[in-house]
Amino acid sequence: MAGARQTGRAGDGERPARRVVIDPAGPVLVEGPVEVDLGDGRTVTSDRFMVALCACRRSRSHPWCDTSHRRRSRPAREQTARTETGTEPGTETGAEPDGG
């Protein structure tokens, strides 16, 4: 894309360059405010000082990141402990919860 990089200062008629941080395991972070042109022709805006754009396509609020990329799974050690004891790890004391 020729001419896409604009590095002029704010007062000389050109827009200043925006800082973009790409995290392979997370969202694309863009210094705001931003306007995002979507594929369906809509434009969405954010006035925040830093904007997280979804890169995994799992976000329910696309194009904004809602941390859906953070799929959490139990470490294998915890899953094994739960299977062997039939309880959650750390709750093997045998004490029953108070009934009220």
PDB file of N, CA and C in Angstrom:
ATOM      1  N   MET A   1       0.848  -1.170   0.000  1.00  0.00           N
ATOM      2  CA  MET A   1       0.000   0.000   0.000  1.00  0.00           C
ATOM      3  C   MET A   1       0.892   1.231   0.000  1.00  0.00           C
ATOM      4  N   ALA A   2       1.049   1.852  -1.107  1.00  0.00           N
ATOM      5  CA  ALA A   2       1.935   3.007  -1.250  1.00  0.00           C
ATOM      6  C   ALA A   2       1.385   4.205  -0.492  1.00  0.00           C
ATOM      7  N   GLY A   3       2.257   4.883   0.223  1.00  0.00           N
ATOM      8  CA  GLY A   3       1.855   6.103   0.924  1.00  0.00           C
ATOM      9  C   GLY A   3       1.058   5.872   2.186  1.00  0.00           C
ATOM     10  N   ALA A   4       0.992   4.657   2.684  1.00  0.00           N
ATOM     11  CA  ALA A   4       0.189   4.360   3.870  1.00  0.00           C
ATOM     12  C   ALA A   4       0.815   4.915   5.134  1.00  0.00           C
ATOM     13  N   ARG A   5       2.110   5.080   5.154  1.00  0.00           N
ATOM     14  CA  ARG A   5       2.774   5.559   6.365  1.00  0.00           C
ATOM     15  C   ARG A   5       2.839   7.074   6.351  1.00  0.00           C
ATOM     16  N   GLN A   6       2.228   7.674   7.355  1.00  0.00           N
ATOM     17  CA  GLN A   6       2.266   9.126   7.487  1.00  0.00           C
ATOM     18  C   GLN A   6       2.910   9.454   8.815  1.00  0.00           C
ATOM     19  N   THR A   7       3.992  10.180   8.765  1.00  0.00           N
ATOM     20  CA  THR A   7       4.723  10.463  10.000  1.00  0.00           C
ATOM     21  C   THR A   7       4.841  11.947  10.290  1.00  0.00           C
ATOM     22  N   GLY A   8       4.049  12.756   9.624  1.00  0.00           N
ATOM     23  CA  GLY A   8       4.126  14.199   9.858  1.00  0.00           C
ATOM     24  C   GLY A   8       3.627  14.586  11.229  1.00  0.00           C
ATOM     25  N   ARG A   9       3.941  15.765  11.643  1.00  0.00           N
ATOM     26  CA  ARG A   9       3.459  16.258  12.933  1.00  0.00           C
ATOM     27  C   ARG A   9       2.029  16.773  12.781  1.00  0.00           C
ATOM     28  N   ALA A  10       1.311  16.821  13.882  1.00  0.00           N
ATOM     29  CA  ALA A  10      -0.111  17.158  13.866  1.00  0.00           C
ATOM     30  C   ALA A  10      -0.390  18.527  13.254  1.00  0.00           C
ATOM     31  N   GLY A  11       0.522  19.461  13.348  1.00  0.00           N
ATOM     32  CA  GLY A  11       0.255  20.808  12.875  1.00  0.00           C
ATOM     33  C   GLY A  11       0.564  21.061  11.412  1.00  0.00           C
ATOM     34  N   ASP A  12       1.164  20.115  10.694  1.00  0.00           N
ATOM     35  CA  ASP A  12       1.572  20.388   9.321  1.00  0.00           C
ATOM     36  C   ASP A  12       0.639  19.794   8.260  1.00  0.00           C
ATOM     37  N   GLY A  13      -0.598  19.473   8.620  1.00  0.00           N
ATOM     38  CA  GLY A  13      -1.568  18.989   7.654  1.00  0.00           C
ATOM     39  C   GLY A  13      -1.594  17.481   7.489  1.00  0.00           C
ATOM     40  N   GLU A  14      -0.637  16.772   8.040  1.00  0.00           N
ATOM     41  CA  GLU A  14      -0.638  15.311   7.968  1.00  0.00           C
ATOM     42  C   GLU A  14      -0.999  14.743   9.330  1.00  0.00           C
ATOM     43  N   ARG A  15      -1.593  13.536   9.288  1.00  0.00           N
ATOM     44  CA  ARG A  15      -1.932  12.870  10.545  1.00  0.00           C
ATOM     45  C   ARG A  15      -0.689  12.213  11.118  1.00  0.00           C
ATOM     46  N   PRO A  16      -0.533  12.260  12.445  1.00  0.00           N
ATOM     47  CA  PRO A  16       0.623  11.601  13.055  1.00  0.00           C
ATOM     48  C   PRO A  16       0.485  10.081  12.945  1.00  0.00           C
ATOM     49  N   ALA A  17       1.602   9.382  12.922  1.00  0.00           N
ATOM     50  CA  ALA A  17       1.593   7.921  12.871  1.00  0.00           C
ATOM     51  C   ALA A  17       1.013   7.372  14.168  1.00  0.00           C
ATOM     52  N   ARG A  18       0.315   6.268  14.067  1.00  0.00           N
ATOM     53  CA  ARG A  18      -0.244   5.579  15.238  1.00  0.00           C
ATOM     54  C   ARG A  18       0.634   4.399  15.577  1.00  0.00           C
ATOM     55  N   ARG A  19       0.765   4.143  16.859  1.00  0.00           N
ATOM     56  CA  ARG A  19       1.540   2.992  17.315  1.00  0.00           C
ATOM     57  C   ARG A  19       0.613   1.776  17.323  1.00  0.00           C
ATOM     58  N   VAL A  20       1.070   0.668  16.729  1.00  0.00           N
ATOM     59  CA  VAL A  20       0.315  -0.582  16.684  1.00  0.00           C
ATOM     60  C   VAL A  20       1.191  -1.675  17.269  1.00  0.00           C
ATOM     61  N   VAL A  21       0.643  -2.445  18.208  1.00  0.00           N
ATOM     62  CA  VAL A  21       1.368  -3.535  18.842  1.00  0.00           C
ATOM     63  C   VAL A  21       0.641  -4.836  18.514  1.00  0.00           C
ATOM     64  N   ILE A  22       1.348  -5.773  17.882  1.00  0.00           N
ATOM     65  CA  ILE A  22       0.745  -7.050  17.510  1.00  0.00           C
ATOM     66  C   ILE A  22       1.262  -8.118  18.457  1.00  0.00           C
ATOM     67  N   ASP A  23       0.335  -8.750  19.187  1.00  0.00           N
ATOM     68  CA  ASP A  23       0.661  -9.823  20.118  1.00  0.00           C
ATOM     69  C   ASP A  23       0.163 -11.129  19.502  1.00  0.00           C
ATOM     70  N   PRO A  24       1.043 -12.065  19.191  1.00  0.00           N
ATOM     71  CA  PRO A  24       0.613 -13.304  18.547  1.00  0.00           C
ATOM     72  C   PRO A  24      -0.417 -14.086  19.355  1.00  0.00           C
ATOM     73  N   ALA A  25      -0.443 -13.912  20.668  1.00  0.00           N
ATOM     74  CA  ALA A  25      -1.387 -14.645  21.506  1.00  0.00           C
ATOM     75  C   ALA A  25      -2.563 -13.782  21.953  1.00  0.00           C
ATOM     76  N   GLY A  26      -2.708 -12.611  21.378  1.00  0.00           N
ATOM     77  CA  GLY A  26      -3.778 -11.732  21.836  1.00  0.00           C
ATOM     78  C   GLY A  26      -4.238 -10.779  20.763  1.00  0.00           C
ATOM     79  N   PRO A  27      -4.780  -9.645  21.185  1.00  0.00           N
ATOM     80  CA  PRO A  27      -5.338  -8.686  20.236  1.00  0.00           C
ATOM     81  C   PRO A  27      -4.263  -7.799  19.603  1.00  0.00           C
ATOM     82  N   VAL A  28      -4.690  -7.029  18.635  1.00  0.00           N
ATOM     83  CA  VAL A  28      -3.852  -5.995  18.042  1.00  0.00           C
ATOM     84  C   VAL A  28      -4.147  -4.718  18.831  1.00  0.00           C
ATOM     85  N   LEU A  29      -3.139  -4.146  19.456  1.00  0.00           N
ATOM     86  CA  LEU A  29      -3.312  -2.933  20.252  1.00  0.00           C
ATOM     87  C   LEU A  29      -2.960  -1.721  19.399  1.00  0.00           C
ATOM     88  N   VAL A  30      -3.869  -0.743  19.354  1.00  0.00           N
ATOM     89  CA  VAL A  30      -3.686   0.453  18.545  1.00  0.00           C
ATOM     90  C   VAL A  30      -3.882   1.664  19.434  1.00  0.00           C
ATOM     91  N   GLU A  31      -2.946   2.615  19.358  1.00  0.00           N
ATOM     92  CA  GLU A  31      -3.138   3.866  20.093  1.00  0.00           C
ATOM     93  C   GLU A  31      -4.332   4.576  19.493  1.00  0.00           C
ATOM     94  N   GLY A  32      -5.258   4.981  20.342  1.00  0.00           N
ATOM     95  CA  GLY A  32      -6.483   5.622  19.875  1.00  0.00           C
ATOM     96  C   GLY A  32      -6.362   7.123  19.905  1.00  0.00           C
ATOM     97  N   PRO A  33      -7.413   7.788  19.546  1.00  0.00           N
ATOM     98  CA  PRO A  33      -8.696   7.265  19.064  1.00  0.00           C
ATOM     99  C   PRO A  33      -8.555   6.678  17.661  1.00  0.00           C
ATOM    100  N   VAL A  34      -9.491   5.753  17.320  1.00  0.00           N
ATOM    101  CA  VAL A  34      -9.415   5.079  16.028  1.00  0.00           C
ATOM    102  C   VAL A  34     -10.778   5.036  15.345  1.00  0.00           C
ATOM    103  N   GLU A  35     -10.738   4.896  14.028  1.00  0.00           N
ATOM    104  CA  GLU A  35     -11.890   4.558  13.211  1.00  0.00           C
ATOM    105  C   GLU A  35     -11.542   3.254  12.523  1.00  0.00           C
ATOM    106  N   VAL A  36     -12.453   2.286  12.560  1.00  0.00           N
ATOM    107  CA  VAL A  36     -12.210   0.987  11.940  1.00  0.00           C
ATOM    108  C   VAL A  36     -13.253   0.785  10.852  1.00  0.00           C
ATOM    109  N   ASP A  37     -12.793   0.590   9.624  1.00  0.00           N
ATOM    110  CA  ASP A  37     -13.680   0.305   8.508  1.00  0.00           C
ATOM    111  C   ASP A  37     -13.891  -1.199   8.448  1.00  0.00           C
ATOM    112  N   LEU A  38     -15.152  -1.624   8.570  1.00  0.00           N
ATOM    113  CA  LEU A  38     -15.480  -3.045   8.554  1.00  0.00           C
ATOM    114  C   LEU A  38     -15.750  -3.518   7.135  1.00  0.00           C
ATOM    115  N   GLY A  39     -15.692  -4.803   6.939  1.00  0.00           N
ATOM    116  CA  GLY A  39     -15.882  -5.391   5.625  1.00  0.00           C
ATOM    117  C   GLY A  39     -17.260  -5.176   5.041  1.00  0.00           C
ATOM    118  N   ASP A  40     -18.255  -4.913   5.900  1.00  0.00           N
ATOM    119  CA  ASP A  40     -19.621  -4.722   5.405  1.00  0.00           C
ATOM    120  C   ASP A  40     -19.934  -3.265   5.077  1.00  0.00           C
ATOM    121  N   GLY A  41     -18.905  -2.412   5.116  1.00  0.00           N
ATOM    122  CA  GLY A  41     -19.097  -1.007   4.769  1.00  0.00           C
ATOM    123  C   GLY A  41     -19.311  -0.081   5.953  1.00  0.00           C
ATOM    124  N   ARG A  42     -19.551  -0.634   7.139  1.00  0.00           N
ATOM    125  CA  ARG A  42     -19.737   0.200   8.331  1.00  0.00           C
ATOM    126  C   ARG A  42     -18.390   0.688   8.844  1.00  0.00           C
ATOM    127  N   THR A  43     -18.425   1.802   9.561  1.00  0.00           N
ATOM    128  CA  THR A  43     -17.246   2.337  10.234  1.00  0.00           C
ATOM    129  C   THR A  43     -17.595   2.468  11.709  1.00  0.00           C
ATOM    130  N   VAL A  44     -16.743   1.916  12.566  1.00  0.00           N
ATOM    131  CA  VAL A  44     -16.939   2.042  14.012  1.00  0.00           C
ATOM    132  C   VAL A  44     -15.787   2.857  14.573  1.00  0.00           C
ATOM    133  N   THR A  45     -16.033   3.564  15.656  1.00  0.00           N
ATOM    134  CA  THR A  45     -15.015   4.437  16.239  1.00  0.00           C
ATOM    135  C   THR A  45     -14.849   4.155  17.725  1.00  0.00           C
ATOM    136  N   SER A  46     -13.686   4.494  18.228  1.00  0.00           N
ATOM    137  CA  SER A  46     -13.413   4.434  19.656  1.00  0.00           C
ATOM    138  C   SER A  46     -12.539   5.629  20.014  1.00  0.00           C
ATOM    139  N   ASP A  47     -12.879   6.302  21.104  1.00  0.00           N
ATOM    140  CA  ASP A  47     -12.124   7.454  21.577  1.00  0.00           C
ATOM    141  C   ASP A  47     -11.129   7.078  22.678  1.00  0.00           C
ATOM    142  N   ARG A  48     -10.994   5.805  22.973  1.00  0.00           N
ATOM    143  CA  ARG A  48     -10.086   5.372  24.029  1.00  0.00           C
ATOM    144  C   ARG A  48      -8.638   5.634  23.639  1.00  0.00           C
ATOM    145  N   PHE A  49      -7.763   5.765  24.645  1.00  0.00           N
ATOM    146  CA  PHE A  49      -6.348   6.049  24.361  1.00  0.00           C
ATOM    147  C   PHE A  49      -5.618   4.824  23.816  1.00  0.00           C
ATOM    148  N   MET A  50      -6.109   3.625  24.112  1.00  0.00           N
ATOM    149  CA  MET A  50      -5.552   2.382  23.568  1.00  0.00           C
ATOM    150  C   MET A  50      -6.727   1.468  23.254  1.00  0.00           C
ATOM    151  N   VAL A  51      -6.733   0.905  22.052  1.00  0.00           N
ATOM    152  CA  VAL A  51      -7.840   0.089  21.587  1.00  0.00           C
ATOM    153  C   VAL A  51      -7.323  -1.311  21.286  1.00  0.00           C
ATOM    154  N   ALA A  52      -8.050  -2.328  21.744  1.00  0.00           N
ATOM    155  CA  ALA A  52      -7.691  -3.718  21.470  1.00  0.00           C
ATOM    156  C   ALA A  52      -8.616  -4.244  20.374  1.00  0.00           C
ATOM    157  N   LEU A  53      -8.025  -4.549  19.223  1.00  0.00           N
ATOM    158  CA  LEU A  53      -8.786  -5.088  18.103  1.00  0.00           C
ATOM    159  C   LEU A  53      -8.640  -6.603  18.080  1.00  0.00           C
ATOM    160  N   CYS A  54      -9.752  -7.295  17.924  1.00  0.00           N
ATOM    161  CA  CYS A  54      -9.759  -8.753  17.922  1.00  0.00           C
ATOM    162  C   CYS A  54      -9.002  -9.289  16.719  1.00  0.00           C
ATOM    163  N   ALA A  55      -8.108 -10.240  16.976  1.00  0.00           N
ATOM    164  CA  ALA A  55      -7.367 -10.887  15.898  1.00  0.00           C
ATOM    165  C   ALA A  55      -7.743 -12.368  15.775  1.00  0.00           C
ATOM    166  N   CYS A  56      -8.506 -12.902  16.747  1.00  0.00           N
ATOM    167  CA  CYS A  56      -8.826 -14.327  16.739  1.00  0.00           C
ATOM    168  C   CYS A  56     -10.199 -14.620  16.150  1.00  0.00           C
ATOM    169  N   ARG A  57     -10.999 -13.593  15.934  1.00  0.00           N
ATOM    170  CA  ARG A  57     -12.357 -13.703  15.375  1.00  0.00           C
ATOM    171  C   ARG A  57     -13.333 -14.419  16.315  1.00  0.00           C
ATOM    172  N   ARG A  58     -12.990 -14.560  17.610  1.00  0.00           N
ATOM    173  CA  ARG A  58     -13.895 -15.188  18.581  1.00  0.00           C
ATOM    174  C   ARG A  58     -14.715 -14.167  19.358  1.00  0.00           C
ATOM    175  N   SER A  59     -14.351 -12.908  19.261  1.00  0.00           N
ATOM    176  CA  SER A  59     -14.997 -11.868  20.058  1.00  0.00           C
ATOM    177  C   SER A  59     -16.467 -11.715  19.704  1.00  0.00           C
ATOM    178  N   ARG A  60     -17.292 -11.583  20.725  1.00  0.00           N
ATOM    179  CA  ARG A  60     -18.712 -11.316  20.499  1.00  0.00           C
ATOM    180  C   ARG A  60     -18.968  -9.841  20.240  1.00  0.00           C
ATOM    181  N   SER A  61     -17.943  -9.019  20.429  1.00  0.00           N
ATOM    182  CA  SER A  61     -18.077  -7.583  20.174  1.00  0.00           C
ATOM    183  C   SER A  61     -17.111  -7.140  19.079  1.00  0.00           C
ATOM    184  N   HIS A  62     -16.904  -8.020  18.110  1.00  0.00           N
ATOM    185  CA  HIS A  62     -15.967  -7.756  17.003  1.00  0.00           C
ATOM    186  C   HIS A  62     -16.298  -6.422  16.334  1.00  0.00           C
ATOM    187  N   PRO A  63     -15.358  -5.549  16.050  1.00  0.00           N
ATOM    188  CA  PRO A  63     -13.922  -5.777  15.963  1.00  0.00           C
ATOM    189  C   PRO A  63     -13.174  -5.583  17.272  1.00  0.00           C
ATOM    190  N   TRP A  64     -13.856  -5.226  18.350  1.00  0.00           N
ATOM    191  CA  TRP A  64     -13.186  -4.997  19.627  1.00  0.00           C
ATOM    192  C   TRP A  64     -12.908  -6.328  20.305  1.00  0.00           C
ATOM    193  N   CYS A  65     -11.799  -6.428  20.977  1.00  0.00           N
ATOM    194  CA  CYS A  65     -11.422  -7.640  21.702  1.00  0.00           C
ATOM    195  C   CYS A  65     -12.221  -7.730  22.996  1.00  0.00           C
ATOM    196  N   ASP A  66     -12.785  -8.907  23.275  1.00  0.00           N
ATOM    197  CA  ASP A  66     -13.456  -9.132  24.557  1.00  0.00           C
ATOM    198  C   ASP A  66     -12.751 -10.228  25.361  1.00  0.00           C
ATOM    199  N   THR A  67     -11.505 -10.494  25.046  1.00  0.00           N
ATOM    200  CA  THR A  67     -10.620 -11.485  25.677  1.00  0.00           C
ATOM    201  C   THR A  67     -11.075 -12.926  25.443  1.00  0.00           C
ATOM    202  N   SER A  68     -11.848 -13.180  24.416  1.00  0.00           N
ATOM    203  CA  SER A  68     -12.248 -14.550  24.096  1.00  0.00           C
ATOM    204  C   SER A  68     -11.055 -15.419  23.725  1.00  0.00           C
ATOM    205  N   HIS A  69      -9.932 -14.807  23.344  1.00  0.00           N
ATOM    206  CA  HIS A  69      -8.734 -15.567  22.994  1.00  0.00           C
ATOM    207  C   HIS A  69      -8.119 -16.242  24.211  1.00  0.00           C
ATOM    208  N   ARG A  70      -8.556 -15.866  25.384  1.00  0.00           N
ATOM    209  CA  ARG A  70      -7.996 -16.420  26.624  1.00  0.00           C
ATOM    210  C   ARG A  70      -8.724 -17.682  27.047  1.00  0.00           C
ATOM    211  N   ARG A  71      -8.800 -18.654  26.182  1.00  0.00           N
ATOM    212  CA  ARG A  71      -9.434 -19.928  26.537  1.00  0.00           C
ATOM    213  C   ARG A  71      -8.629 -20.547  27.655  1.00  0.00           C
ATOM    214  N   ARG A  72      -9.300 -20.791  28.766  1.00  0.00           N
ATOM    215  CA  ARG A  72      -8.586 -21.355  29.911  1.00  0.00           C
ATOM    216  C   ARG A  72      -8.872 -22.849  29.995  1.00  0.00           C
ATOM    217  N   SER A  73      -7.845 -23.611  30.249  1.00  0.00           N
ATOM    218  CA  SER A  73      -8.011 -25.039  30.479  1.00  0.00           C
ATOM    219  C   SER A  73      -7.208 -25.393  31.717  1.00  0.00           C
ATOM    220  N   ARG A  74      -7.685 -26.391  32.433  1.00  0.00           N
ATOM    221  CA  ARG A  74      -6.979 -26.802  33.640  1.00  0.00           C
ATOM    222  C   ARG A  74      -5.683 -27.489  33.268  1.00  0.00           C
ATOM    223  N   PRO A  75      -4.628 -27.233  34.018  1.00  0.00           N
ATOM    224  CA  PRO A  75      -3.385 -27.967  33.781  1.00  0.00           C
ATOM    225  C   PRO A  75      -3.631 -29.462  33.975  1.00  0.00           C
ATOM    226  N   ALA A  76      -2.921 -30.297  33.265  1.00  0.00           N
ATOM    227  CA  ALA A  76      -3.116 -31.748  33.318  1.00  0.00           C
ATOM    228  C   ALA A  76      -3.008 -32.277  34.747  1.00  0.00           C
ATOM    229  N   ARG A  77      -2.132 -31.710  35.558  1.00  0.00           N
ATOM    230  CA  ARG A  77      -1.950 -32.169  36.940  1.00  0.00           C
ATOM    231  C   ARG A  77      -3.235 -32.000  37.743  1.00  0.00           C
ATOM    232  N   GLU A  78      -3.931 -30.864  37.594  1.00  0.00           N
ATOM    233  CA  GLU A  78      -5.183 -30.644  38.315  1.00  0.00           C
ATOM    234  C   GLU A  78      -6.274 -31.584  37.828  1.00  0.00           C
ATOM    235  N   GLN A  79      -6.348 -31.819  36.522  1.00  0.00           N
ATOM    236  CA  GLN A  79      -7.354 -32.728  35.992  1.00  0.00           C
ATOM    237  C   GLN A  79      -7.130 -34.132  36.523  1.00  0.00           C
ATOM    238  N   THR A  80      -5.880 -34.580  36.605  1.00  0.00           N
ATOM    239  CA  THR A  80      -5.564 -35.906  37.115  1.00  0.00           C
ATOM    240  C   THR A  80      -5.946 -36.010  38.584  1.00  0.00           C
ATOM    241  N   ALA A  81      -5.624 -34.999  39.388  1.00  0.00           N
ATOM    242  CA  ALA A  81      -5.958 -35.007  40.812  1.00  0.00           C
ATOM    243  C   ALA A  81      -7.458 -35.070  41.014  1.00  0.00           C
ATOM    244  N   ARG A  82      -8.213 -34.365  40.214  1.00  0.00           N
ATOM    245  CA  ARG A  82      -9.666 -34.359  40.334  1.00  0.00           C
ATOM    246  C   ARG A  82     -10.230 -35.733  39.986  1.00  0.00           C
ATOM    247  N   THR A  83      -9.702 -36.346  38.954  1.00  0.00           N
ATOM    248  CA  THR A  83     -10.184 -37.652  38.516  1.00  0.00           C
ATOM    249  C   THR A  83      -9.886 -38.714  39.571  1.00  0.00           C
ATOM    250  N   GLU A  84      -8.698 -38.691  40.153  1.00  0.00           N
ATOM    251  CA  GLU A  84      -8.307 -39.707  41.121  1.00  0.00           C
ATOM    252  C   GLU A  84      -9.050 -39.578  42.437  1.00  0.00           C
ATOM    253  N   THR A  85      -9.322 -38.349  42.900  1.00  0.00           N
ATOM    254  CA  THR A  85      -9.942 -38.155  44.208  1.00  0.00           C
ATOM    255  C   THR A  85     -11.439 -37.909  44.131  1.00  0.00           C
ATOM    256  N   GLY A  86     -11.927 -37.524  42.968  1.00  0.00           N
ATOM    257  CA  GLY A  86     -13.348 -37.205  42.829  1.00  0.00           C
ATOM    258  C   GLY A  86     -13.704 -35.843  43.385  1.00  0.00           C
ATOM    259  N   THR A  87     -12.697 -35.037  43.742  1.00  0.00           N
ATOM    260  CA  THR A  87     -12.941 -33.704  44.298  1.00  0.00           C
ATOM    261  C   THR A  87     -12.080 -32.692  43.587  1.00  0.00           C
ATOM    262  N   GLU A  88     -12.366 -31.438  43.834  1.00  0.00           N
ATOM    263  CA  GLU A  88     -11.536 -30.355  43.313  1.00  0.00           C
ATOM    264  C   GLU A  88     -10.211 -30.349  44.050  1.00  0.00           C
ATOM    265  N   PRO A  89      -9.117 -30.092  43.376  1.00  0.00           N
ATOM    266  CA  PRO A  89      -7.828 -29.978  44.061  1.00  0.00           C
ATOM    267  C   PRO A  89      -7.891 -28.888  45.131  1.00  0.00           C
ATOM    268  N   GLY A  90      -7.334 -29.198  46.306  1.00  0.00           N
ATOM    269  CA  GLY A  90      -7.316 -28.223  47.391  1.00  0.00           C
ATOM    270  C   GLY A  90      -8.524 -28.330  48.305  1.00  0.00           C
ATOM    271  N   THR A  91      -9.482 -29.230  48.010  1.00  0.00           N
ATOM    272  CA  THR A  91     -10.670 -29.358  48.860  1.00  0.00           C
ATOM    273  C   THR A  91     -10.756 -30.756  49.472  1.00  0.00           C
ATOM    274  N   GLU A  92      -9.638 -31.456  49.572  1.00  0.00           N
ATOM    275  CA  GLU A  92      -9.640 -32.829  50.045  1.00  0.00           C
ATOM    276  C   GLU A  92      -9.632 -32.942  51.572  1.00  0.00           C
ATOM    277  N   THR A  93      -9.964 -31.889  52.312  1.00  0.00           N
ATOM    278  CA  THR A  93      -9.877 -31.922  53.776  1.00  0.00           C
ATOM    279  C   THR A  93     -10.956 -32.768  54.408  1.00  0.00           C
ATOM    280  N   GLY A  94     -12.020 -33.067  53.704  1.00  0.00           N
ATOM    281  CA  GLY A  94     -13.082 -33.889  54.257  1.00  0.00           C
ATOM    282  C   GLY A  94     -14.117 -33.067  54.995  1.00  0.00           C
ATOM    283  N   ALA A  95     -13.924 -31.786  55.161  1.00  0.00           N
ATOM    284  CA  ALA A  95     -14.885 -30.954  55.870  1.00  0.00           C
ATOM    285  C   ALA A  95     -16.091 -30.709  54.975  1.00  0.00           C
ATOM    286  N   GLU A  96     -17.261 -30.868  55.552  1.00  0.00           N
ATOM    287  CA  GLU A  96     -18.499 -30.610  54.819  1.00  0.00           C
ATOM    288  C   GLU A  96     -18.821 -29.133  54.901  1.00  0.00           C
ATOM    289  N   PRO A  97     -19.374 -28.549  53.847  1.00  0.00           N
ATOM    290  CA  PRO A  97     -19.757 -27.138  53.922  1.00  0.00           C
ATOM    291  C   PRO A  97     -20.907 -26.941  54.903  1.00  0.00           C
ATOM    292  N   ASP A  98     -20.944 -25.785  55.540  1.00  0.00           N
ATOM    293  CA  ASP A  98     -22.012 -25.469  56.488  1.00  0.00           C
ATOM    294  C   ASP A  98     -23.358 -25.431  55.778  1.00  0.00           C
ATOM    295  N   GLY A  99     -24.351 -25.985  56.395  1.00  0.00           N
ATOM    296  CA  GLY A  99     -25.687 -25.998  55.803  1.00  0.00           C
ATOM    297  C   GLY A  99     -26.451 -24.724  56.044  1.00  0.00           C
ATOM    298  N   GLY A 100     -25.982 -23.840  56.858  1.00  0.00           N
ATOM    299  CA  GLY A 100     -26.629 -22.556  57.001  1.00  0.00           C
ATOM    300  C   GLY A 100     -26.928 -22.281  58.364  1.00  0.00           C
TER     301      GLY A 100
END
